[in-house]
């Protein structure tokens, strides 16, 4: 992965976190599924390698879990 691809991947990850955060705040869980599905569709050609597909799936799920956990934590604190 070159520097340009790495920068693009970081930006995509940041945007994914922001969207998941906002969709949890808005109780739009189906929209989170849409974002994750769209990411999979766009990377479909890259999934010919099982190892790469598993790497992307694990990263995506951990990223979504992190964003949702942070959002739920912030919501819990804000209601105190």
PDB file of N, CA and C in Angstrom:
ATOM      1  N   UNK A   1       0.857  -1.175   0.000  1.00  0.00           N
ATOM      2  CA  UNK A   1       0.000   0.000   0.000  1.00  0.00           C
ATOM      3  C   UNK A   1       0.897   1.229   0.000  1.00  0.00           C
ATOM      4  N   UNK A   2       0.665   2.109  -0.955  1.00  0.00           N
ATOM      5  CA  UNK A   2       1.476   3.313  -1.016  1.00  0.00           C
ATOM      6  C   UNK A   2       0.867   4.412  -0.129  1.00  0.00           C
ATOM      7  N   UNK A   3       1.550   5.529  -0.057  1.00  0.00           N
ATOM      8  CA  UNK A   3       1.132   6.619   0.837  1.00  0.00           C
ATOM      9  C   UNK A   3      -0.244   7.166   0.455  1.00  0.00           C
ATOM     10  N   UNK A   4      -0.533   7.280  -0.827  1.00  0.00           N
ATOM     11  CA  UNK A   4      -1.827   7.801  -1.277  1.00  0.00           C
ATOM     12  C   UNK A   4      -2.960   6.863  -0.861  1.00  0.00           C
ATOM     13  N   UNK A   5      -2.767   5.564  -1.054  1.00  0.00           N
ATOM     14  CA  UNK A   5      -3.793   4.593  -0.651  1.00  0.00           C
ATOM     15  C   UNK A   5      -3.998   4.609   0.860  1.00  0.00           C
ATOM     16  N   UNK A   6      -2.906   4.740   1.600  1.00  0.00           N
ATOM     17  CA  UNK A   6      -2.996   4.785   3.052  1.00  0.00           C
ATOM     18  C   UNK A   6      -3.777   6.019   3.508  1.00  0.00           C
ATOM     19  N   UNK A   7      -3.494   7.161   2.907  1.00  0.00           N
ATOM     20  CA  UNK A   7      -4.213   8.398   3.264  1.00  0.00           C
ATOM     21  C   UNK A   7      -5.694   8.284   2.929  1.00  0.00           C
ATOM     22  N   UNK A   8      -6.000   7.697   1.792  1.00  0.00           N
ATOM     23  CA  UNK A   8      -7.390   7.514   1.393  1.00  0.00           C
ATOM     24  C   UNK A   8      -8.097   6.566   2.349  1.00  0.00           C
ATOM     25  N   UNK A   9      -7.443   5.482   2.731  1.00  0.00           N
ATOM     26  CA  UNK A   9      -8.039   4.518   3.657  1.00  0.00           C
ATOM     27  C   UNK A   9      -8.304   5.156   5.018  1.00  0.00           C
ATOM     28  N   UNK A  10      -7.403   6.002   5.485  1.00  0.00           N
ATOM     29  CA  UNK A  10      -7.611   6.694   6.760  1.00  0.00           C
ATOM     30  C   UNK A  10      -8.796   7.640   6.683  1.00  0.00           C
ATOM     31  N   UNK A  11      -8.936   8.347   5.564  1.00  0.00           N
ATOM     32  CA  UNK A  11     -10.067   9.260   5.388  1.00  0.00           C
ATOM     33  C   UNK A  11     -11.384   8.476   5.356  1.00  0.00           C
ATOM     34  N   UNK A  12     -11.401   7.363   4.648  1.00  0.00           N
ATOM     35  CA  UNK A  12     -12.605   6.525   4.604  1.00  0.00           C
ATOM     36  C   UNK A  12     -12.954   6.042   6.010  1.00  0.00           C
ATOM     37  N   UNK A  13     -11.961   5.608   6.768  1.00  0.00           N
ATOM     38  CA  UNK A  13     -12.196   5.151   8.131  1.00  0.00           C
ATOM     39  C   UNK A  13     -12.739   6.250   9.019  1.00  0.00           C
ATOM     40  N   UNK A  14     -12.202   7.448   8.890  1.00  0.00           N
ATOM     41  CA  UNK A  14     -12.683   8.586   9.671  1.00  0.00           C
ATOM     42  C   UNK A  14     -14.133   8.909   9.317  1.00  0.00           C
ATOM     43  N   UNK A  15     -14.439   8.939   8.042  1.00  0.00           N
ATOM     44  CA  UNK A  15     -15.817   9.211   7.611  1.00  0.00           C
ATOM     45  C   UNK A  15     -16.762   8.120   8.090  1.00  0.00           C
ATOM     46  N   UNK A  16     -16.290   6.876   8.065  1.00  0.00           N
ATOM     47  CA  UNK A  16     -17.106   5.763   8.559  1.00  0.00           C
ATOM     48  C   UNK A  16     -17.421   5.954  10.036  1.00  0.00           C
ATOM     49  N   UNK A  17     -16.435   6.341  10.825  1.00  0.00           N
ATOM     50  CA  UNK A  17     -16.668   6.609  12.255  1.00  0.00           C
ATOM     51  C   UNK A  17     -17.678   7.732  12.452  1.00  0.00           C
ATOM     52  N   UNK A  18     -17.540   8.791  11.710  1.00  0.00           N
ATOM     53  CA  UNK A  18     -18.444   9.937  11.847  1.00  0.00           C
ATOM     54  C   UNK A  18     -19.876   9.542  11.498  1.00  0.00           C
ATOM     55  N   UNK A  19     -20.042   8.830  10.380  1.00  0.00           N
ATOM     56  CA  UNK A  19     -21.388   8.426   9.980  1.00  0.00           C
ATOM     57  C   UNK A  19     -22.015   7.472  10.984  1.00  0.00           C
ATOM     58  N   UNK A  20     -21.256   6.497  11.458  1.00  0.00           N
ATOM     59  CA  UNK A  20     -21.797   5.566  12.450  1.00  0.00           C
ATOM     60  C   UNK A  20     -22.185   6.334  13.710  1.00  0.00           C
ATOM     61  N   UNK A  21     -21.335   7.247  14.160  1.00  0.00           N
ATOM     62  CA  UNK A  21     -21.621   8.077  15.337  1.00  0.00           C
ATOM     63  C   UNK A  21     -22.930   8.843  15.155  1.00  0.00           C
ATOM     64  N   UNK A  22     -23.060   9.516  14.026  1.00  0.00           N
ATOM     65  CA  UNK A  22     -24.269  10.309  13.773  1.00  0.00           C
ATOM     66  C   UNK A  22     -25.514   9.435  13.646  1.00  0.00           C
ATOM     67  N   UNK A  23     -25.391   8.310  12.966  1.00  0.00           N
ATOM     68  CA  UNK A  23     -26.552   7.437  12.792  1.00  0.00           C
ATOM     69  C   UNK A  23     -27.001   6.809  14.103  1.00  0.00           C
ATOM     70  N   UNK A  24     -26.073   6.507  14.998  1.00  0.00           N
ATOM     71  CA  UNK A  24     -26.476   6.006  16.318  1.00  0.00           C
ATOM     72  C   UNK A  24     -27.195   7.104  17.084  1.00  0.00           C
ATOM     73  N   UNK A  25     -26.665   8.325  17.037  1.00  0.00           N
ATOM     74  CA  UNK A  25     -27.334   9.440  17.715  1.00  0.00           C
ATOM     75  C   UNK A  25     -28.749   9.645  17.200  1.00  0.00           C
ATOM     76  N   UNK A  26     -28.939   9.414  15.913  1.00  0.00           N
ATOM     77  CA  UNK A  26     -30.252   9.612  15.285  1.00  0.00           C
ATOM     78  C   UNK A  26     -31.114   8.348  15.302  1.00  0.00           C
ATOM     79  N   UNK A  27     -30.619   7.279  15.951  1.00  0.00           N
ATOM     80  CA  UNK A  27     -31.321   5.996  15.998  1.00  0.00           C
ATOM     81  C   UNK A  27     -31.625   5.449  14.605  1.00  0.00           C
ATOM     82  N   UNK A  28     -30.709   5.632  13.693  1.00  0.00           N
ATOM     83  CA  UNK A  28     -30.857   5.158  12.315  1.00  0.00           C
ATOM     84  C   UNK A  28     -29.910   3.981  12.073  1.00  0.00           C
ATOM     85  N   UNK A  29     -30.216   2.854  12.714  1.00  0.00           N
ATOM     86  CA  UNK A  29     -29.329   1.700  12.649  1.00  0.00           C
ATOM     87  C   UNK A  29     -29.303   1.065  11.259  1.00  0.00           C
ATOM     88  N   UNK A  30     -30.393   1.153  10.522  1.00  0.00           N
ATOM     89  CA  UNK A  30     -30.414   0.621   9.159  1.00  0.00           C
ATOM     90  C   UNK A  30     -29.429   1.376   8.275  1.00  0.00           C
ATOM     91  N   UNK A  31     -29.251   2.659   8.538  1.00  0.00           N
ATOM     92  CA  UNK A  31     -28.309   3.462   7.762  1.00  0.00           C
ATOM     93  C   UNK A  31     -26.877   2.986   7.997  1.00  0.00           C
ATOM     94  N   UNK A  32     -26.587   2.500   9.202  1.00  0.00           N
ATOM     95  CA  UNK A  32     -25.256   1.955   9.488  1.00  0.00           C
ATOM     96  C   UNK A  32     -25.035   0.720   8.623  1.00  0.00           C
ATOM     97  N   UNK A  33     -26.050  -0.125   8.537  1.00  0.00           N
ATOM     98  CA  UNK A  33     -25.966  -1.299   7.677  1.00  0.00           C
ATOM     99  C   UNK A  33     -25.748  -0.918   6.223  1.00  0.00           C
ATOM    100  N   UNK A  34     -26.409   0.140   5.793  1.00  0.00           N
ATOM    101  CA  UNK A  34     -26.245   0.610   4.416  1.00  0.00           C
ATOM    102  C   UNK A  34     -24.809   1.049   4.162  1.00  0.00           C
ATOM    103  N   UNK A  35     -24.224   1.795   5.084  1.00  0.00           N
ATOM    104  CA  UNK A  35     -22.841   2.264   4.935  1.00  0.00           C
ATOM    105  C   UNK A  35     -21.886   1.073   4.855  1.00  0.00           C
ATOM    106  N   UNK A  36     -22.061   0.103   5.738  1.00  0.00           N
ATOM    107  CA  UNK A  36     -21.181  -1.062   5.745  1.00  0.00           C
ATOM    108  C   UNK A  36     -21.366  -1.902   4.480  1.00  0.00           C
ATOM    109  N   UNK A  37     -22.607  -2.030   4.017  1.00  0.00           N
ATOM    110  CA  UNK A  37     -22.865  -2.782   2.789  1.00  0.00           C
ATOM    111  C   UNK A  37     -22.265  -2.070   1.574  1.00  0.00           C
ATOM    112  N   UNK A  38     -22.398  -0.755   1.534  1.00  0.00           N
ATOM    113  CA  UNK A  38     -21.839   0.013   0.419  1.00  0.00           C
ATOM    114  C   UNK A  38     -20.323  -0.148   0.366  1.00  0.00           C
ATOM    115  N   UNK A  39     -19.703  -0.150   1.521  1.00  0.00           N
ATOM    116  CA  UNK A  39     -18.255  -0.340   1.569  1.00  0.00           C
ATOM    117  C   UNK A  39     -17.885  -1.711   1.007  1.00  0.00           C
ATOM    118  N   UNK A  40     -18.672  -2.721   1.340  1.00  0.00           N
ATOM    119  CA  UNK A  40     -18.411  -4.059   0.822  1.00  0.00           C
ATOM    120  C   UNK A  40     -18.603  -4.148  -0.680  1.00  0.00           C
ATOM    121  N   UNK A  41     -19.634  -3.501  -1.189  1.00  0.00           N
ATOM    122  CA  UNK A  41     -19.898  -3.524  -2.624  1.00  0.00           C
ATOM    123  C   UNK A  41     -18.756  -2.842  -3.381  1.00  0.00           C
ATOM    124  N   UNK A  42     -18.287  -1.737  -2.867  1.00  0.00           N
ATOM    125  CA  UNK A  42     -17.212  -1.005  -3.540  1.00  0.00           C
ATOM    126  C   UNK A  42     -15.896  -1.779  -3.526  1.00  0.00           C
ATOM    127  N   UNK A  43     -15.683  -2.623  -2.522  1.00  0.00           N
ATOM    128  CA  UNK A  43     -14.445  -3.400  -2.417  1.00  0.00           C
ATOM    129  C   UNK A  43     -14.597  -4.815  -2.956  1.00  0.00           C
ATOM    130  N   UNK A  44     -15.718  -5.115  -3.593  1.00  0.00           N
ATOM    131  CA  UNK A  44     -16.034  -6.486  -4.004  1.00  0.00           C
ATOM    132  C   UNK A  44     -14.918  -7.128  -4.825  1.00  0.00           C
ATOM    133  N   UNK A  45     -14.359  -6.409  -5.769  1.00  0.00           N
ATOM    134  CA  UNK A  45     -13.298  -6.965  -6.619  1.00  0.00           C
ATOM    135  C   UNK A  45     -12.064  -7.341  -5.807  1.00  0.00           C
ATOM    136  N   UNK A  46     -11.810  -6.621  -4.717  1.00  0.00           N
ATOM    137  CA  UNK A  46     -10.647  -6.903  -3.872  1.00  0.00           C
ATOM    138  C   UNK A  46     -10.849  -8.130  -3.002  1.00  0.00           C
ATOM    139  N   UNK A  47     -12.076  -8.614  -2.891  1.00  0.00           N
ATOM    140  CA  UNK A  47     -12.376  -9.725  -1.997  1.00  0.00           C
ATOM    141  C   UNK A  47     -12.075 -11.094  -2.613  1.00  0.00           C
ATOM    142  N   UNK A  48     -11.429 -11.119  -3.758  1.00  0.00           N
ATOM    143  CA  UNK A  48     -11.033 -12.404  -4.349  1.00  0.00           C
ATOM    144  C   UNK A  48     -10.044 -13.124  -3.441  1.00  0.00           C
ATOM    145  N   UNK A  49      -9.265 -12.344  -2.719  1.00  0.00           N
ATOM    146  CA  UNK A  49      -8.337 -12.912  -1.747  1.00  0.00           C
ATOM    147  C   UNK A  49      -9.076 -13.073  -0.417  1.00  0.00           C
ATOM    148  N   UNK A  50      -9.204 -14.297   0.040  1.00  0.00           N
ATOM    149  CA  UNK A  50      -9.914 -14.549   1.298  1.00  0.00           C
ATOM    150  C   UNK A  50      -9.238 -13.849   2.471  1.00  0.00           C
ATOM    151  N   UNK A  51      -7.922 -13.853   2.478  1.00  0.00           N
ATOM    152  CA  UNK A  51      -7.180 -13.212   3.559  1.00  0.00           C
ATOM    153  C   UNK A  51      -7.487 -11.723   3.604  1.00  0.00           C
ATOM    154  N   UNK A  52      -7.482 -11.080   2.446  1.00  0.00           N
ATOM    155  CA  UNK A  52      -7.783  -9.653   2.390  1.00  0.00           C
ATOM    156  C   UNK A  52      -9.228  -9.387   2.796  1.00  0.00           C
ATOM    157  N   UNK A  53     -10.148 -10.218   2.325  1.00  0.00           N
ATOM    158  CA  UNK A  53     -11.564 -10.043   2.663  1.00  0.00           C
ATOM    159  C   UNK A  53     -11.770 -10.151   4.174  1.00  0.00           C
ATOM    160  N   UNK A  54     -11.115 -11.117   4.806  1.00  0.00           N
ATOM    161  CA  UNK A  54     -11.230 -11.260   6.262  1.00  0.00           C
ATOM    162  C   UNK A  54     -10.615 -10.068   6.978  1.00  0.00           C
ATOM    163  N   UNK A  55      -9.503  -9.579   6.476  1.00  0.00           N
ATOM    164  CA  UNK A  55      -8.846  -8.402   7.050  1.00  0.00           C
ATOM    165  C   UNK A  55      -9.784  -7.190   7.004  1.00  0.00           C
ATOM    166  N   UNK A  56     -10.411  -6.960   5.855  1.00  0.00           N
ATOM    167  CA  UNK A  56     -11.326  -5.826   5.709  1.00  0.00           C
ATOM    168  C   UNK A  56     -12.557  -6.011   6.594  1.00  0.00           C
ATOM    169  N   UNK A  57     -13.093  -7.220   6.644  1.00  0.00           N
ATOM    170  CA  UNK A  57     -14.282  -7.481   7.461  1.00  0.00           C
ATOM    171  C   UNK A  57     -13.990  -7.246   8.941  1.00  0.00           C
ATOM    172  N   UNK A  58     -12.883  -7.764   9.420  1.00  0.00           N
ATOM    173  CA  UNK A  58     -12.520  -7.554  10.826  1.00  0.00           C
ATOM    174  C   UNK A  58     -12.323  -6.073  11.108  1.00  0.00           C
ATOM    175  N   UNK A  59     -11.613  -5.381  10.248  1.00  0.00           N
ATOM    176  CA  UNK A  59     -11.389  -3.942  10.441  1.00  0.00           C
ATOM    177  C   UNK A  59     -12.676  -3.150  10.432  1.00  0.00           C
ATOM    178  N   UNK A  60     -13.565  -3.478   9.507  1.00  0.00           N
ATOM    179  CA  UNK A  60     -14.841  -2.767   9.405  1.00  0.00           C
ATOM    180  C   UNK A  60     -15.702  -2.989  10.640  1.00  0.00           C
ATOM    181  N   UNK A  61     -15.789  -4.238  11.076  1.00  0.00           N
ATOM    182  CA  UNK A  61     -16.609  -4.540  12.253  1.00  0.00           C
ATOM    183  C   UNK A  61     -16.030  -3.910  13.522  1.00  0.00           C
ATOM    184  N   UNK A  62     -14.722  -3.955  13.674  1.00  0.00           N
ATOM    185  CA  UNK A  62     -14.106  -3.316  14.842  1.00  0.00           C
ATOM    186  C   UNK A  62     -14.301  -1.800  14.802  1.00  0.00           C
ATOM    187  N   UNK A  63     -14.192  -1.226  13.624  1.00  0.00           N
ATOM    188  CA  UNK A  63     -14.389   0.210  13.469  1.00  0.00           C
ATOM    189  C   UNK A  63     -15.810   0.611  13.847  1.00  0.00           C
ATOM    190  N   UNK A  64     -16.797  -0.134  13.352  1.00  0.00           N
ATOM    191  CA  UNK A  64     -18.194   0.161  13.672  1.00  0.00           C
ATOM    192  C   UNK A  64     -18.457  -0.040  15.160  1.00  0.00           C
ATOM    193  N   UNK A  65     -17.903  -1.111  15.727  1.00  0.00           N
ATOM    194  CA  UNK A  65     -18.075  -1.371  17.153  1.00  0.00           C
ATOM    195  C   UNK A  65     -17.487  -0.243  17.996  1.00  0.00           C
ATOM    196  N   UNK A  66     -16.315   0.214  17.630  1.00  0.00           N
ATOM    197  CA  UNK A  66     -15.689   1.320  18.358  1.00  0.00           C
ATOM    198  C   UNK A  66     -16.542   2.581  18.289  1.00  0.00           C
ATOM    199  N   UNK A  67     -16.993   2.934  17.092  1.00  0.00           N
ATOM    200  CA  UNK A  67     -17.802   4.139  16.932  1.00  0.00           C
ATOM    201  C   UNK A  67     -19.115   4.033  17.706  1.00  0.00           C
ATOM    202  N   UNK A  68     -19.742   2.866  17.681  1.00  0.00           N
ATOM    203  CA  UNK A  68     -21.004   2.693  18.407  1.00  0.00           C
ATOM    204  C   UNK A  68     -20.775   2.726  19.916  1.00  0.00           C
ATOM    205  N   UNK A  69     -19.705   2.115  20.374  1.00  0.00           N
ATOM    206  CA  UNK A  69     -19.396   2.118  21.804  1.00  0.00           C
ATOM    207  C   UNK A  69     -19.151   3.531  22.310  1.00  0.00           C
ATOM    208  N   UNK A  70     -18.381   4.298  21.580  1.00  0.00           N
ATOM    209  CA  UNK A  70     -18.113   5.686  21.967  1.00  0.00           C
ATOM    210  C   UNK A  70     -19.412   6.486  21.999  1.00  0.00           C
ATOM    211  N   UNK A  71     -20.260   6.284  21.001  1.00  0.00           N
ATOM    212  CA  UNK A  71     -21.523   7.012  20.955  1.00  0.00           C
ATOM    213  C   UNK A  71     -22.424   6.649  22.132  1.00  0.00           C
ATOM    214  N   UNK A  72     -22.553   5.353  22.419  1.00  0.00           N
ATOM    215  CA  UNK A  72     -23.380   4.937  23.557  1.00  0.00           C
ATOM    216  C   UNK A  72     -22.816   5.469  24.871  1.00  0.00           C
ATOM    217  N   UNK A  73     -21.506   5.481  24.995  1.00  0.00           N
ATOM    218  CA  UNK A  73     -20.865   6.015  26.191  1.00  0.00           C
ATOM    219  C   UNK A  73     -21.157   7.510  26.351  1.00  0.00           C
ATOM    220  N   UNK A  74     -21.042   8.255  25.279  1.00  0.00           N
ATOM    221  CA  UNK A  74     -21.324   9.699  25.320  1.00  0.00           C
ATOM    222  C   UNK A  74     -22.789   9.936  25.645  1.00  0.00           C
ATOM    223  N   UNK A  75     -23.684   9.133  25.088  1.00  0.00           N
ATOM    224  CA  UNK A  75     -25.101   9.270  25.393  1.00  0.00           C
ATOM    225  C   UNK A  75     -25.368   8.973  26.869  1.00  0.00           C
ATOM    226  N   UNK A  76     -24.733   7.961  27.419  1.00  0.00           N
ATOM    227  CA  UNK A  76     -24.922   7.606  28.820  1.00  0.00           C
ATOM    228  C   UNK A  76     -24.433   8.717  29.743  1.00  0.00           C
ATOM    229  N   UNK A  77     -23.306   9.297  29.407  1.00  0.00           N
ATOM    230  CA  UNK A  77     -22.767  10.385  30.226  1.00  0.00           C
ATOM    231  C   UNK A  77     -23.644  11.629  30.133  1.00  0.00           C
ATOM    232  N   UNK A  78     -24.157  11.902  28.951  1.00  0.00           N
ATOM    233  CA  UNK A  78     -24.951  13.119  28.762  1.00  0.00           C
ATOM    234  C   UNK A  78     -26.303  13.067  29.480  1.00  0.00           C
ATOM    235  N   UNK A  79     -26.760  11.867  29.815  1.00  0.00           N
ATOM    236  CA  UNK A  79     -28.057  11.754  30.512  1.00  0.00           C
ATOM    237  C   UNK A  79     -27.914  11.822  32.031  1.00  0.00           C
ATOM    238  N   UNK A  80     -26.676  11.871  32.523  1.00  0.00           N
ATOM    239  CA  UNK A  80     -26.473  11.951  33.973  1.00  0.00           C
ATOM    240  C   UNK A  80     -26.791  13.318  34.518  1.00  0.00           C
TER     241      UNK A  80
END
